[in-house]
N, C-alpha and C. Protein backbone atom coordinates (compact mmCIF):
# COMPACT_ATOMS: atom_id res chain seq x y z
N MET A 1 4.14 -12.63 -7.34
CA MET A 1 3.45 -12.62 -6.69
C MET A 1 2.30 -11.28 -6.64
N GLU A 2 1.03 -11.28 -6.13
CA GLU A 2 0.18 -10.53 -6.05
C GLU A 2 -0.10 -9.88 -4.88
N LEU A 3 -0.74 -8.51 -4.76
CA LEU A 3 -0.42 -7.79 -3.73
C LEU A 3 -2.01 -7.57 -3.94
N PHE A 4 -2.61 -7.73 -3.03
CA PHE A 4 -4.59 -6.97 -2.73
C PHE A 4 -4.59 -5.84 -2.00
N HIS A 5 -4.70 -4.27 -2.65
CA HIS A 5 -3.97 -3.36 -2.65
C HIS A 5 -5.42 -2.46 -2.61
N ALA A 6 -5.09 -1.34 -1.72
CA ALA A 6 -6.22 -0.05 -1.91
C ALA A 6 -4.74 1.14 -1.38
N ALA A 7 -5.07 2.21 -2.21
CA ALA A 7 -4.32 2.81 -2.15
C ALA A 7 -4.14 3.80 -0.82
N ALA A 8 -5.23 3.94 -0.51
CA ALA A 8 -5.46 4.87 1.08
C ALA A 8 -5.15 4.13 2.48
N SER A 9 -5.05 2.70 1.92
CA SER A 9 -4.72 2.07 3.44
C SER A 9 -3.22 2.30 3.74
N PRO A 10 -3.18 2.85 4.98
CA PRO A 10 -1.73 2.91 5.76
C PRO A 10 -0.85 1.52 5.83
N PHE A 11 -1.45 0.62 5.97
CA PHE A 11 -1.08 -0.71 5.78
C PHE A 11 -0.44 -1.06 4.90
N VAL A 12 -1.38 -0.99 3.42
CA VAL A 12 -0.66 -1.37 2.02
C VAL A 12 0.57 -0.47 1.69
N ARG A 13 0.11 0.75 1.93
CA ARG A 13 1.30 1.62 2.13
C ARG A 13 2.66 1.26 2.18
N LYS A 14 2.51 0.65 3.96
CA LYS A 14 3.53 0.22 4.42
C LYS A 14 4.44 -1.16 3.48
N VAL A 15 3.61 -1.77 3.18
CA VAL A 15 3.93 -3.35 2.08
C VAL A 15 4.38 -2.25 1.00
N MET A 16 3.92 -1.30 0.72
CA MET A 16 4.58 -1.05 -0.97
C MET A 16 5.84 0.14 -0.60
N VAL A 17 5.99 1.03 0.15
CA VAL A 17 7.27 1.36 0.83
C VAL A 17 8.12 0.08 0.83
N THR A 18 8.45 -1.20 2.04
CA THR A 18 8.89 -1.91 2.03
C THR A 18 9.21 -2.20 0.23
N LEU A 19 8.63 -2.72 -0.41
CA LEU A 19 8.68 -3.20 -1.93
C LEU A 19 9.95 -1.85 -2.62
N HIS A 20 9.58 -0.75 -2.41
CA HIS A 20 10.41 0.39 -3.16
C HIS A 20 11.61 -0.03 -2.51
N GLU A 21 11.52 0.14 -0.74
CA GLU A 21 12.85 0.37 -0.30
C GLU A 21 14.16 -1.30 -0.46
N THR A 22 13.22 -2.69 -0.75
CA THR A 22 14.17 -3.50 -1.13
C THR A 22 14.50 -3.98 -2.49
N GLY A 23 14.16 -2.96 -3.20
CA GLY A 23 13.74 -2.99 -4.78
C GLY A 23 13.00 -4.18 -5.55
N GLN A 24 12.04 -4.54 -4.94
CA GLN A 24 11.48 -5.55 -5.11
C GLN A 24 9.81 -4.94 -5.75
N LEU A 25 9.64 -4.04 -6.53
CA LEU A 25 8.48 -3.49 -6.85
C LEU A 25 7.94 -4.46 -7.95
N ASP A 26 9.30 -4.90 -8.99
CA ASP A 26 8.66 -5.25 -9.91
C ASP A 26 8.52 -7.48 -9.92
N ALA A 27 8.77 -7.19 -8.56
CA ALA A 27 7.80 -9.00 -8.50
C ALA A 27 6.87 -8.82 -7.68
N VAL A 28 5.91 -7.51 -7.59
CA VAL A 28 4.21 -8.12 -7.19
C VAL A 28 3.83 -7.48 -8.70
N LYS A 29 2.25 -8.06 -8.60
CA LYS A 29 1.31 -7.32 -9.39
C LYS A 29 0.34 -6.89 -8.32
N ILE A 30 0.04 -5.76 -8.41
CA ILE A 30 -0.95 -5.08 -8.25
C ILE A 30 -2.23 -5.39 -8.37
N VAL A 31 -3.14 -5.61 -7.48
CA VAL A 31 -4.21 -6.46 -7.70
C VAL A 31 -5.32 -5.54 -6.73
N PRO A 32 -6.10 -4.57 -7.17
CA PRO A 32 -6.99 -3.44 -6.80
C PRO A 32 -8.03 -4.19 -5.68
N ALA A 33 -8.47 -3.75 -4.84
CA ALA A 33 -9.44 -4.51 -3.70
C ALA A 33 -10.22 -3.38 -3.22
N SER A 34 -11.61 -3.12 -3.15
CA SER A 34 -12.48 -2.29 -2.65
C SER A 34 -13.13 -2.97 -1.70
N GLN A 35 -13.33 -2.72 -0.87
CA GLN A 35 -13.85 -3.55 0.39
C GLN A 35 -13.81 -2.27 1.79
N THR A 36 -14.79 -3.05 2.61
CA THR A 36 -14.93 -2.40 3.84
C THR A 36 -14.81 -3.51 5.00
N PRO A 37 -15.61 -3.46 6.18
CA PRO A 37 -15.17 -4.62 7.09
C PRO A 37 -16.89 -5.36 6.53
N VAL A 38 -18.11 -4.68 6.43
CA VAL A 38 -18.91 -5.32 6.30
C VAL A 38 -19.36 -5.74 4.86
N SER A 39 -18.22 -5.53 3.60
CA SER A 39 -18.20 -6.06 2.75
C SER A 39 -17.12 -6.18 2.13
N PRO A 40 -16.84 -7.13 2.38
CA PRO A 40 -15.36 -7.87 2.16
C PRO A 40 -15.19 -8.28 0.44
N ASP A 41 -13.90 -7.90 0.10
CA ASP A 41 -13.65 -8.39 -1.45
C ASP A 41 -13.07 -9.69 -1.51
N ALA A 42 -14.08 -10.31 -2.64
CA ALA A 42 -14.22 -11.60 -2.63
C ALA A 42 -12.79 -12.18 -3.17
N GLY A 43 -12.30 -11.27 -3.86
CA GLY A 43 -10.93 -12.07 -4.67
C GLY A 43 -10.24 -11.97 -3.22
N ASN A 44 -10.42 -10.68 -2.62
CA ASN A 44 -9.05 -11.18 -1.39
C ASN A 44 -9.31 -12.22 -0.18
N THR A 45 -10.99 -12.49 0.16
CA THR A 45 -11.12 -13.50 1.16
C THR A 45 -11.13 -14.89 0.77
N ALA A 46 -10.73 -14.74 -1.12
CA ALA A 46 -10.67 -16.28 -1.55
C ALA A 46 -9.12 -16.63 -0.90
N HIS A 47 -8.24 -15.61 -0.19
CA HIS A 47 -7.05 -16.01 0.00
C HIS A 47 -6.60 -15.71 1.57
N ASN A 48 -7.64 -14.91 2.34
CA ASN A 48 -7.45 -14.64 3.34
C ASN A 48 -8.61 -14.18 3.91
N PRO A 49 -9.14 -15.22 4.89
CA PRO A 49 -10.59 -15.56 5.34
C PRO A 49 -10.69 -14.40 6.23
N LEU A 50 -9.73 -13.57 6.87
CA LEU A 50 -10.24 -12.21 7.41
C LEU A 50 -10.82 -11.23 7.01
N GLY A 51 -10.54 -11.11 5.67
CA GLY A 51 -11.25 -10.30 4.24
C GLY A 51 -10.13 -8.95 4.38
N LYS A 52 -8.84 -9.19 5.22
CA LYS A 52 -8.62 -7.32 5.64
C LYS A 52 -7.59 -7.45 3.96
N ILE A 53 -6.59 -6.40 3.94
CA ILE A 53 -5.94 -5.76 3.38
C ILE A 53 -4.85 -5.49 4.47
N PRO A 54 -3.65 -5.59 3.51
CA PRO A 54 -2.86 -6.14 2.29
C PRO A 54 -2.72 -7.93 2.36
N THR A 55 -3.25 -8.63 1.31
CA THR A 55 -3.02 -9.77 1.38
C THR A 55 -1.98 -9.83 0.06
N LEU A 56 -0.29 -10.68 0.26
CA LEU A 56 0.58 -10.98 -0.84
C LEU A 56 0.07 -12.72 -0.66
N THR A 57 -0.55 -12.82 -2.27
CA THR A 57 -0.13 -14.26 -2.81
C THR A 57 1.59 -15.00 -2.98
N ARG A 58 1.43 -15.82 -3.58
CA ARG A 58 3.07 -16.45 -3.92
C ARG A 58 2.56 -17.72 -4.38
N PRO A 59 3.96 -17.91 -5.08
CA PRO A 59 3.57 -19.17 -6.10
C PRO A 59 4.01 -20.64 -5.82
N ASP A 60 4.82 -19.92 -4.38
CA ASP A 60 5.54 -21.23 -3.41
C ASP A 60 5.13 -21.28 -2.59
N GLY A 61 3.67 -21.20 -2.13
CA GLY A 61 3.17 -21.25 -0.58
C GLY A 61 1.89 -20.73 -0.04
N PRO A 62 1.47 -20.41 0.97
CA PRO A 62 0.38 -19.84 0.90
C PRO A 62 0.43 -18.58 0.84
N ALA A 63 -0.72 -18.05 0.78
CA ALA A 63 -0.73 -16.44 0.60
C ALA A 63 -0.40 -15.84 2.42
N LEU A 64 -0.01 -14.59 2.13
CA LEU A 64 0.48 -13.80 3.52
C LEU A 64 -0.28 -13.16 3.51
N TYR A 65 -0.71 -12.90 5.10
CA TYR A 65 -1.55 -11.77 5.73
C TYR A 65 -1.00 -10.84 6.69
N ASP A 66 -1.51 -10.15 7.15
CA ASP A 66 -1.18 -9.00 7.78
C ASP A 66 0.28 -8.37 7.80
N SER A 67 -0.03 -7.05 7.57
CA SER A 67 0.84 -6.22 7.07
C SER A 67 2.57 -6.71 7.61
N ARG A 68 3.13 -7.06 9.06
CA ARG A 68 3.95 -7.31 9.60
C ARG A 68 4.58 -8.37 9.24
N VAL A 69 3.60 -9.38 9.03
CA VAL A 69 4.11 -10.78 8.31
C VAL A 69 4.22 -10.45 6.98
N ILE A 70 3.72 -9.64 6.08
CA ILE A 70 4.28 -9.70 4.83
C ILE A 70 5.76 -8.59 4.57
N CYS A 71 5.36 -7.72 5.17
CA CYS A 71 6.85 -6.87 5.25
C CYS A 71 7.82 -7.64 5.99
N ARG A 72 8.07 -8.47 6.84
CA ARG A 72 9.20 -9.49 7.27
C ARG A 72 9.33 -10.49 6.24
N TYR A 73 8.48 -10.79 5.76
CA TYR A 73 8.71 -12.09 4.37
C TYR A 73 9.22 -10.98 3.12
N LEU A 74 8.91 -10.04 3.25
CA LEU A 74 9.72 -8.96 1.86
C LEU A 74 10.91 -8.70 2.47
N ASP A 75 11.43 -8.29 3.22
CA ASP A 75 12.54 -8.04 4.25
C ASP A 75 13.39 -8.87 3.89
N HIS A 76 13.23 -10.40 4.34
CA HIS A 76 14.10 -11.65 4.36
C HIS A 76 13.81 -12.26 2.61
N ARG A 77 13.20 -11.85 1.66
CA ARG A 77 13.45 -11.77 1.04
C ARG A 77 14.52 -11.25 -0.24
N GLY A 78 14.29 -9.86 0.51
CA GLY A 78 14.99 -8.63 -0.63
C GLY A 78 16.44 -8.55 0.27
N GLY A 79 16.85 -9.27 1.54
CA GLY A 79 18.29 -9.74 2.18
C GLY A 79 18.12 -9.07 3.70
N GLY A 80 17.10 -8.79 4.03
CA GLY A 80 17.07 -8.94 5.72
C GLY A 80 17.86 -7.72 5.93
N LYS A 81 17.80 -6.18 5.88
CA LYS A 81 17.53 -5.01 6.32
C LYS A 81 17.12 -4.36 7.29
N LEU A 82 15.98 -4.66 7.16
CA LEU A 82 15.02 -3.56 7.88
C LEU A 82 14.56 -4.42 9.38
N TYR A 83 14.65 -5.37 9.60
CA TYR A 83 14.79 -5.61 10.65
C TYR A 83 16.07 -6.12 11.69
N PRO A 84 16.44 -5.29 11.64
CA PRO A 84 18.28 -5.52 12.40
C PRO A 84 18.22 -6.32 13.39
N GLU A 85 19.46 -7.37 13.71
CA GLU A 85 19.31 -8.23 14.99
C GLU A 85 19.61 -7.03 15.97
N ALA A 86 21.12 -6.37 15.80
CA ALA A 86 21.02 -5.29 17.22
C ALA A 86 20.32 -4.58 17.51
N ARG A 87 19.32 -4.19 17.27
CA ARG A 87 17.88 -3.30 17.50
C ARG A 87 16.26 -4.21 17.35
N LEU A 88 16.47 -5.35 17.33
CA LEU A 88 15.55 -6.34 16.72
C LEU A 88 14.02 -6.13 17.93
N TRP A 89 13.78 -5.75 19.05
CA TRP A 89 13.08 -5.56 19.75
C TRP A 89 12.41 -4.39 19.63
N GLU A 90 13.29 -3.46 19.66
CA GLU A 90 12.90 -1.81 19.41
C GLU A 90 12.26 -2.07 18.21
N THR A 91 13.38 -2.24 17.04
CA THR A 91 12.20 -2.04 15.75
C THR A 91 10.98 -2.71 15.84
N LEU A 92 10.29 -3.46 16.39
CA LEU A 92 9.77 -4.41 16.12
C LEU A 92 8.74 -4.19 17.32
N THR A 93 8.66 -3.20 18.67
CA THR A 93 8.10 -2.52 18.95
C THR A 93 7.51 -1.29 18.72
N LEU A 94 8.58 -0.32 17.82
CA LEU A 94 7.93 0.52 17.20
C LEU A 94 7.14 0.44 15.95
N GLU A 95 7.22 -0.50 15.50
CA GLU A 95 6.51 -1.19 14.16
C GLU A 95 5.07 -1.36 15.08
N ALA A 96 5.18 -2.35 15.93
CA ALA A 96 3.66 -2.16 16.80
C ALA A 96 2.95 -0.79 17.20
N THR A 97 4.00 -0.20 17.55
CA THR A 97 3.14 1.11 18.19
C THR A 97 2.44 1.81 16.72
N ALA A 98 3.45 2.16 15.51
CA ALA A 98 2.68 2.90 14.82
C ALA A 98 1.68 1.86 13.83
N ASP A 99 1.56 0.66 13.97
CA ASP A 99 0.25 -0.24 13.67
C ASP A 99 -0.93 0.07 14.49
N GLY A 100 -0.33 0.26 15.70
CA GLY A 100 -1.61 0.86 16.67
C GLY A 100 -2.38 1.95 15.99
N ILE A 101 -1.72 3.17 15.80
CA ILE A 101 -1.92 4.57 15.60
C ILE A 101 -2.81 3.76 14.22
N MET A 102 -2.29 3.23 13.24
CA MET A 102 -3.04 3.01 11.94
C MET A 102 -4.22 2.34 12.41
N ASP A 103 -4.48 1.16 13.36
CA ASP A 103 -5.66 0.53 13.54
C ASP A 103 -6.69 1.15 13.77
N ALA A 104 -5.83 2.07 14.91
CA ALA A 104 -7.54 3.14 15.50
C ALA A 104 -7.99 3.99 14.74
N ALA A 105 -6.58 4.66 13.99
CA ALA A 105 -7.02 6.03 12.86
C ALA A 105 -8.12 5.20 11.48
N VAL A 106 -7.89 3.73 11.72
CA VAL A 106 -8.73 3.35 10.68
C VAL A 106 -10.05 3.21 11.09
N LEU A 107 -10.28 2.43 12.66
CA LEU A 107 -11.54 2.27 13.29
C LEU A 107 -12.35 3.76 13.27
N MET A 108 -11.57 4.89 13.44
CA MET A 108 -12.18 5.98 13.30
C MET A 108 -13.19 6.46 12.17
N VAL A 109 -12.21 6.18 10.86
CA VAL A 109 -12.84 6.62 9.76
C VAL A 109 -14.00 5.33 9.48
N TYR A 110 -14.11 4.10 9.95
CA TYR A 110 -15.05 3.58 9.74
C TYR A 110 -16.18 3.30 10.74
N GLU A 111 -16.03 4.27 11.51
CA GLU A 111 -17.32 4.32 12.67
C GLU A 111 -18.54 5.61 11.87
N HIS A 112 -17.55 6.42 11.24
CA HIS A 112 -18.48 7.53 10.03
C HIS A 112 -19.11 6.89 9.02
N ARG A 113 -18.13 6.21 7.93
CA ARG A 113 -18.34 5.27 6.80
C ARG A 113 -19.05 4.37 6.84
N VAL A 114 -19.22 3.54 7.42
CA VAL A 114 -20.01 2.28 8.04
C VAL A 114 -20.97 2.38 8.96
N ARG A 115 -21.12 3.17 10.29
CA ARG A 115 -22.09 2.83 10.74
C ARG A 115 -22.78 4.08 10.64
N PRO A 116 -24.29 3.62 10.79
CA PRO A 116 -25.28 5.33 10.47
C PRO A 116 -25.16 6.04 11.34
N SER A 117 -25.27 7.69 10.84
CA SER A 117 -24.98 8.69 11.26
C SER A 117 -25.84 8.61 12.96
N GLU A 118 -26.51 8.02 12.67
CA GLU A 118 -27.43 8.44 14.24
C GLU A 118 -26.84 7.09 15.56
N LYS A 119 -26.07 6.33 14.89
CA LYS A 119 -25.68 5.64 15.92
C LYS A 119 -23.71 5.79 16.03
N VAL A 120 -23.42 6.61 15.48
CA VAL A 120 -21.71 7.29 15.72
C VAL A 120 -21.88 7.37 17.23
N PHE A 121 -20.72 6.83 17.78
CA PHE A 121 -20.37 6.85 19.14
C PHE A 121 -19.37 7.64 19.45
N ASP A 122 -19.50 8.62 20.04
CA ASP A 122 -18.46 9.87 19.93
C ASP A 122 -17.45 9.60 21.14
N GLY A 123 -18.02 8.93 21.86
CA GLY A 123 -17.12 8.07 23.15
C GLY A 123 -16.36 7.32 22.52
N TRP A 124 -16.60 6.38 21.53
CA TRP A 124 -15.79 5.57 20.98
C TRP A 124 -14.63 6.16 20.01
N LEU A 125 -14.80 7.48 19.52
CA LEU A 125 -14.35 8.11 18.44
C LEU A 125 -13.07 8.73 19.60
N ASP A 126 -13.53 9.04 20.80
CA ASP A 126 -12.44 9.85 21.49
C ASP A 126 -11.54 8.86 22.00
N GLY A 127 -11.97 7.55 22.31
CA GLY A 127 -10.91 6.74 22.61
C GLY A 127 -10.15 6.44 22.17
N GLN A 128 -10.38 5.98 20.53
CA GLN A 128 -9.64 5.77 19.86
C GLN A 128 -8.55 7.08 19.51
N TRP A 129 -8.88 7.89 19.40
CA TRP A 129 -7.66 9.05 19.92
C TRP A 129 -6.96 9.44 20.44
N ALA A 130 -7.42 8.83 21.62
CA ALA A 130 -6.41 8.91 22.96
C ALA A 130 -5.39 7.92 23.10
N LYS A 131 -5.73 6.66 22.41
CA LYS A 131 -4.32 6.28 22.18
C LYS A 131 -3.66 5.95 21.15
N ILE A 132 -4.19 7.12 19.96
CA ILE A 132 -3.37 7.83 19.39
C ILE A 132 -2.36 8.61 20.17
N THR A 133 -2.93 9.60 20.54
CA THR A 133 -2.09 10.63 21.28
C THR A 133 -1.27 10.12 21.96
N ARG A 134 -1.86 9.04 23.14
CA ARG A 134 -0.29 8.24 23.73
C ARG A 134 0.27 7.95 23.49
N ALA A 135 0.51 7.46 21.95
CA ALA A 135 1.43 6.83 20.95
C ALA A 135 2.20 7.84 20.45
N LEU A 136 1.89 8.99 19.86
CA LEU A 136 2.36 10.22 19.12
C LEU A 136 3.44 10.87 20.47
N ASP A 137 2.32 10.82 21.69
CA ASP A 137 3.29 11.32 22.89
C ASP A 137 4.75 10.74 23.00
N ALA A 138 4.45 9.31 23.02
CA ALA A 138 5.72 8.16 23.21
C ALA A 138 6.73 8.10 21.96
N LEU A 139 6.14 8.39 20.98
CA LEU A 139 7.27 8.62 19.69
C LEU A 139 7.98 9.62 20.08
N GLU A 140 7.60 10.74 20.99
CA GLU A 140 7.99 12.11 20.63
C GLU A 140 8.55 12.28 21.54
N GLY A 141 8.55 11.55 23.18
CA GLY A 141 9.44 11.12 24.47
C GLY A 141 10.15 10.53 24.36
N ARG A 142 10.36 9.44 23.42
CA ARG A 142 10.95 8.22 23.69
C ARG A 142 11.76 7.85 22.34
N TRP A 143 11.76 7.68 21.54
CA TRP A 143 11.56 7.10 20.49
C TRP A 143 12.40 7.91 18.80
N MET A 144 12.62 9.23 19.30
CA MET A 144 13.30 10.05 18.63
C MET A 144 14.82 9.71 17.88
N SER A 145 15.32 9.11 18.80
CA SER A 145 16.46 8.48 18.67
C SER A 145 16.41 7.64 17.64
N HIS A 146 16.08 6.46 17.94
CA HIS A 146 15.59 5.09 16.94
C HIS A 146 15.32 5.67 15.41
N LEU A 147 14.26 6.70 15.80
CA LEU A 147 13.58 7.57 14.48
C LEU A 147 14.68 8.09 13.71
N SER A 148 15.61 8.39 14.21
CA SER A 148 16.66 9.41 13.54
C SER A 148 17.91 8.65 13.24
N GLY A 149 17.81 7.01 13.07
CA GLY A 149 18.95 6.31 13.18
C GLY A 149 18.50 5.82 11.87
N ARG A 150 19.27 4.55 11.72
CA ARG A 150 19.27 3.70 10.36
C ARG A 150 18.56 3.47 9.99
N LEU A 151 17.81 2.87 8.34
CA LEU A 151 15.94 2.79 7.98
C LEU A 151 15.99 1.57 8.68
N ASP A 152 14.91 1.25 9.35
CA ASP A 152 14.24 -0.16 9.63
C ASP A 152 12.57 0.30 9.43
N MET A 153 11.95 -0.86 9.88
CA MET A 153 10.59 -1.01 9.53
C MET A 153 10.22 -0.22 10.70
N GLY A 154 10.60 0.00 11.76
CA GLY A 154 9.86 1.15 12.54
C GLY A 154 9.72 2.07 12.07
N GLN A 155 11.03 2.78 11.48
CA GLN A 155 10.52 3.76 11.20
C GLN A 155 9.69 4.19 9.97
N ILE A 156 9.58 3.03 9.00
CA ILE A 156 9.17 2.93 7.48
C ILE A 156 7.09 3.14 8.25
N ALA A 157 6.73 2.41 9.37
CA ALA A 157 6.07 2.12 9.99
C ALA A 157 4.95 3.16 10.52
N THR A 158 5.88 4.02 11.16
CA THR A 158 5.44 5.68 11.73
C THR A 158 5.60 6.42 10.44
N ALA A 159 6.19 6.61 9.50
CA ALA A 159 5.85 7.18 8.63
C ALA A 159 5.03 7.38 8.03
N CYS A 160 3.86 5.92 7.60
CA CYS A 160 2.68 5.52 7.05
C CYS A 160 1.65 5.79 8.18
N ALA A 161 2.05 5.51 9.30
CA ALA A 161 0.82 5.76 10.62
C ALA A 161 0.84 7.66 10.42
N LEU A 162 2.26 8.00 10.22
CA LEU A 162 1.38 9.84 10.45
C LEU A 162 1.38 10.42 8.89
N GLY A 163 1.41 9.90 7.66
CA GLY A 163 0.72 9.96 6.83
C GLY A 163 -0.47 10.02 7.00
N TYR A 164 -1.00 8.55 7.26
CA TYR A 164 -2.44 8.40 7.50
C TYR A 164 -3.35 9.16 7.96
N LEU A 165 -2.68 9.72 9.52
CA LEU A 165 -3.33 10.84 10.27
C LEU A 165 -3.56 12.23 9.61
N ASP A 166 -2.54 12.56 8.56
CA ASP A 166 -2.60 13.74 7.60
C ASP A 166 -3.76 13.17 6.50
N LEU A 167 -3.66 12.35 5.79
CA LEU A 167 -4.69 12.14 4.80
C LEU A 167 -5.91 11.81 5.46
N ARG A 168 -6.60 11.24 6.86
CA ARG A 168 -8.18 11.40 7.17
C ARG A 168 -8.55 12.34 8.55
N HIS A 169 -7.28 12.27 8.90
CA HIS A 169 -7.35 13.18 10.54
C HIS A 169 -6.94 14.54 10.55
N GLY A 170 -6.59 15.04 9.17
CA GLY A 170 -5.88 16.29 9.36
C GLY A 170 -6.15 17.37 10.04
N GLU A 171 -7.26 17.70 10.63
CA GLU A 171 -8.19 18.52 11.31
C GLU A 171 -7.73 18.59 12.72
N ARG A 172 -7.09 17.17 13.33
CA ARG A 172 -6.81 17.35 14.52
C ARG A 172 -5.55 17.54 14.58
N ASN A 173 -4.60 17.98 13.67
CA ASN A 173 -3.22 18.32 14.08
C ASN A 173 -2.26 17.59 15.01
N TRP A 174 -2.20 16.58 14.39
CA TRP A 174 -0.94 15.98 15.05
C TRP A 174 0.22 16.33 15.78
N ARG A 175 0.94 17.12 14.93
CA ARG A 175 2.00 17.97 14.85
C ARG A 175 1.89 18.70 15.86
N ALA A 176 0.83 19.37 16.65
CA ALA A 176 0.92 20.37 18.05
C ALA A 176 1.31 19.85 19.10
N GLY A 177 2.60 20.44 19.32
CA GLY A 177 2.99 19.87 20.75
C GLY A 177 4.57 18.97 20.65
N ARG A 178 4.49 18.85 19.50
CA ARG A 178 5.82 17.49 18.74
C ARG A 178 6.17 17.96 17.71
N ASP A 179 7.32 19.00 17.72
CA ASP A 179 8.05 19.27 17.14
C ASP A 179 9.11 18.68 16.46
N GLY A 180 9.83 18.01 17.44
CA GLY A 180 10.56 16.35 16.87
C GLY A 180 9.60 15.99 15.66
N LEU A 181 8.85 15.43 16.30
CA LEU A 181 8.32 13.86 15.09
C LEU A 181 7.93 14.67 14.20
N ALA A 182 7.27 16.08 14.05
CA ALA A 182 6.96 16.63 13.16
C ALA A 182 8.25 17.10 12.27
N ALA A 183 9.19 17.42 12.46
CA ALA A 183 10.20 17.57 12.18
C ALA A 183 11.08 16.28 11.35
N TRP A 184 10.95 15.58 11.73
CA TRP A 184 11.60 13.88 11.25
C TRP A 184 10.63 13.57 10.18
N GLU A 185 9.29 13.56 10.41
CA GLU A 185 8.27 13.41 9.37
C GLU A 185 8.24 13.69 8.33
N LYS A 186 8.81 15.09 8.44
CA LYS A 186 9.16 16.09 6.99
C LYS A 186 9.95 15.60 6.25
N ARG A 187 11.01 15.10 7.19
CA ARG A 187 12.30 14.53 6.19
C ARG A 187 11.96 13.13 5.68
N PHE A 188 11.15 12.66 6.11
CA PHE A 188 10.98 11.12 6.09
C PHE A 188 10.23 11.00 4.84
N ALA A 189 9.26 12.14 4.97
CA ALA A 189 8.55 12.05 3.84
C ALA A 189 8.85 12.73 2.54
N GLU A 190 10.20 12.92 2.61
CA GLU A 190 10.98 13.45 1.26
C GLU A 190 11.40 12.24 0.43
N ARG A 191 11.26 10.83 1.12
CA ARG A 191 12.24 9.87 0.50
C ARG A 191 11.42 9.08 -0.99
N ALA A 192 11.78 8.92 -1.56
CA ALA A 192 11.68 8.61 -2.92
C ALA A 192 10.09 7.21 -2.46
N SER A 193 10.47 6.75 -1.91
CA SER A 193 9.72 5.23 -1.18
C SER A 193 8.14 5.95 -0.80
N MET A 194 8.52 7.24 -0.13
CA MET A 194 7.05 7.74 0.42
C MET A 194 6.24 8.58 -0.75
N THR A 195 7.10 9.43 -1.54
CA THR A 195 6.39 10.32 -2.61
C THR A 195 5.76 9.12 -3.64
N ALA A 196 6.57 8.54 -3.79
CA ALA A 196 5.66 7.39 -4.48
C ALA A 196 4.70 6.43 -4.16
N THR A 197 4.06 6.81 -2.89
CA THR A 197 3.09 5.65 -2.12
C THR A 197 2.04 6.31 -1.80
N ARG A 198 2.34 8.00 -1.75
CA ARG A 198 1.77 8.76 -0.97
C ARG A 198 -0.18 8.74 -2.28
N ALA A 199 -0.81 8.80 -0.98
CA ALA A 199 -2.20 8.56 -1.53
C ALA A 199 -2.72 10.23 -1.41
N GLU A 200 -3.40 10.66 -2.29
CA GLU A 200 -4.03 11.96 -2.11
C GLU A 200 -5.65 11.88 -2.71
N LEU A 201 -6.43 11.45 -1.81
CA LEU A 201 -7.48 11.08 -2.15
C LEU A 201 -8.81 12.26 -1.85
């Protein structure tokens, strides 16, 4: 299999952590993909018409894309432990919440990186951060018991989302007023899969 990859992408990191946690890292060849929404990677778009990363090619079927699809596939391939049936809907909802944080945080980066400076829309940036703030408050207020339980994909996605906030939006200090979430992230970040996939750009 081949994984179209960019080290700073939180969605790619989620897949990489999944590969580490399921013992499948050796089954995948990493293919660097450098792109933005206005200049997609040609190699990637040959497999994924949306031009997003990550994309996973397979010798026995069409390419998979969207990190949620790829992670579900890898988990199934690796024994099916990260989407436990007993709390499947909670795990999927937590994963979706974390992915929403990533989406908003990436859009904020692109607002500065892709749009001309005179056209940057502060109201748009504020709106994206408001989504992130609401999601973080929900994690702190409603999800700490789940986050502290047995490893699942919701936890992996949440840790990758928080790591991306540190990487790209550290000045906004997401930890303020969220002591429980901050303490959980500190512990989870020490996992070997997280240290091995940390981007330092």
